[in-house]
C-alpha cells in the first residue's frame, strides 16, 4: 500500500498533532519541528513559536540522535525554511 504525503520543496511532511517530520526516514537525517505556541490572527490559529531539531536516523539512542536544535519565535513557513536548509546541508545537497 502506497501512502501519499504532503511535500515541501521535494521532501515529505508528516504531521501528528503539534509534531511535524520533514524528510525521508530512509535518509541519514530528518528534521522534527515541534509547535510550541500558537496565536489567534483574524480568527485563525497561527504558529508563533517552534523548536526545530535535526535528527540522525541511524542513531538507536534517542538522546544521541539530536544533531542540532533551535527554538524560534516564528511561523510555520519560516520553520520549514530552516528545516529545508538544515536538511539539504546535512545531506550534502
Protein backbone atom coordinates (compact mmCIF):
# COMPACT_ATOMS: atom_id res chain seq x y z
CA UNK A 1 0.00 0.00 0.00
CA UNK A 2 1.45 3.36 -1.03
CA UNK A 3 0.86 6.39 1.13
CA UNK A 4 0.76 9.91 -0.25
CA UNK A 5 2.33 12.59 1.92
CA UNK A 6 2.27 16.34 1.58
CA UNK A 7 5.64 17.64 0.45
CA UNK A 8 7.65 20.83 0.80
CA UNK A 9 10.49 21.50 -1.63
CA UNK A 10 10.53 17.85 -2.65
CA UNK A 11 10.61 16.28 0.83
CA UNK A 12 7.68 14.65 2.64
CA UNK A 13 5.92 16.33 5.56
CA UNK A 14 4.22 14.13 8.13
CA UNK A 15 2.22 15.81 10.88
CA UNK A 16 0.92 14.26 14.07
CA UNK A 17 -0.66 16.87 16.34
CA UNK A 18 1.96 19.51 17.13
CA UNK A 19 4.82 17.48 15.64
CA UNK A 20 5.96 17.64 12.02
CA UNK A 21 8.61 15.40 10.49
CA UNK A 22 10.35 16.66 7.35
CA UNK A 23 12.42 14.39 5.13
CA UNK A 24 12.74 10.72 4.27
CA UNK A 25 13.26 8.39 7.23
CA UNK A 26 15.48 6.30 4.94
CA UNK A 27 17.96 9.22 4.65
CA UNK A 28 20.70 9.73 7.26
CA UNK A 29 18.92 12.80 8.68
CA UNK A 30 15.38 14.05 9.16
CA UNK A 31 14.03 17.26 10.72
CA UNK A 32 11.49 17.31 13.53
CA UNK A 33 9.51 20.52 14.04
CA UNK A 34 7.66 20.85 17.32
CA UNK A 35 4.96 23.53 17.52
CA UNK A 36 5.38 25.15 20.93
CA UNK A 37 2.87 28.01 20.75
CA UNK A 38 0.10 29.41 18.60
CA UNK A 39 -1.71 32.72 18.50
CA UNK A 40 -5.01 33.81 17.02
CA UNK A 41 -4.87 36.05 13.96
CA UNK A 42 -8.15 37.08 12.31
CA UNK A 43 -9.94 34.16 13.94
CA UNK A 44 -7.35 31.57 12.78
CA UNK A 45 -4.76 29.78 14.92
CA UNK A 46 -1.26 30.56 13.62
CA UNK A 47 2.03 29.01 14.73
CA UNK A 48 4.06 31.54 16.72
CA UNK A 49 6.88 29.50 18.30
CA UNK A 50 8.66 26.33 17.19
CA UNK A 51 11.55 24.05 18.03
CA UNK A 52 13.46 22.70 15.02
CA UNK A 53 15.55 19.57 15.62
CA UNK A 54 17.86 17.75 13.22
CA UNK A 55 17.84 14.00 13.97
CA UNK A 56 20.29 11.28 12.95
CA UNK A 57 18.04 8.46 11.70
CA UNK A 58 20.79 5.84 12.18
CA UNK A 59 21.26 6.52 15.90
CA UNK A 60 19.48 3.99 18.14
CA UNK A 61 19.67 6.12 21.31
CA UNK A 62 17.10 8.95 21.00
CA UNK A 63 19.18 11.19 23.29
CA UNK A 64 22.18 10.88 20.96
CA UNK A 65 20.11 11.23 17.78
CA UNK A 66 19.78 15.02 18.19
CA UNK A 67 22.41 16.63 15.95
CA UNK A 68 21.32 20.24 16.49
CA UNK A 69 18.26 22.17 17.53
CA UNK A 70 16.93 25.70 17.75
CA UNK A 71 13.92 27.38 19.27
CA UNK A 72 12.43 30.29 17.31
CA UNK A 73 9.52 32.67 17.62
CA UNK A 74 8.35 32.36 14.04
CA UNK A 75 5.62 30.97 11.85
CA UNK A 76 5.42 27.57 10.24
CA UNK A 77 6.77 28.69 6.86
CA UNK A 78 9.90 30.15 8.41
CA UNK A 79 10.36 26.93 10.41
CA UNK A 80 10.03 24.90 7.21
CA UNK A 81 12.63 27.09 5.50
CA UNK A 82 15.04 26.49 8.41
CA UNK A 83 14.31 22.76 8.19
CA UNK A 84 14.94 22.74 4.44
CA UNK A 85 18.31 24.49 4.75
CA UNK A 86 19.45 22.19 7.57
CA UNK A 87 18.33 19.04 5.79
CA UNK A 88 19.92 19.92 2.44
CA UNK A 89 23.17 20.90 4.16
CA UNK A 90 23.21 17.67 6.20
CA UNK A 91 22.56 15.56 3.11
CA UNK A 92 25.27 17.37 1.13
CA UNK A 93 22.94 18.98 -1.39
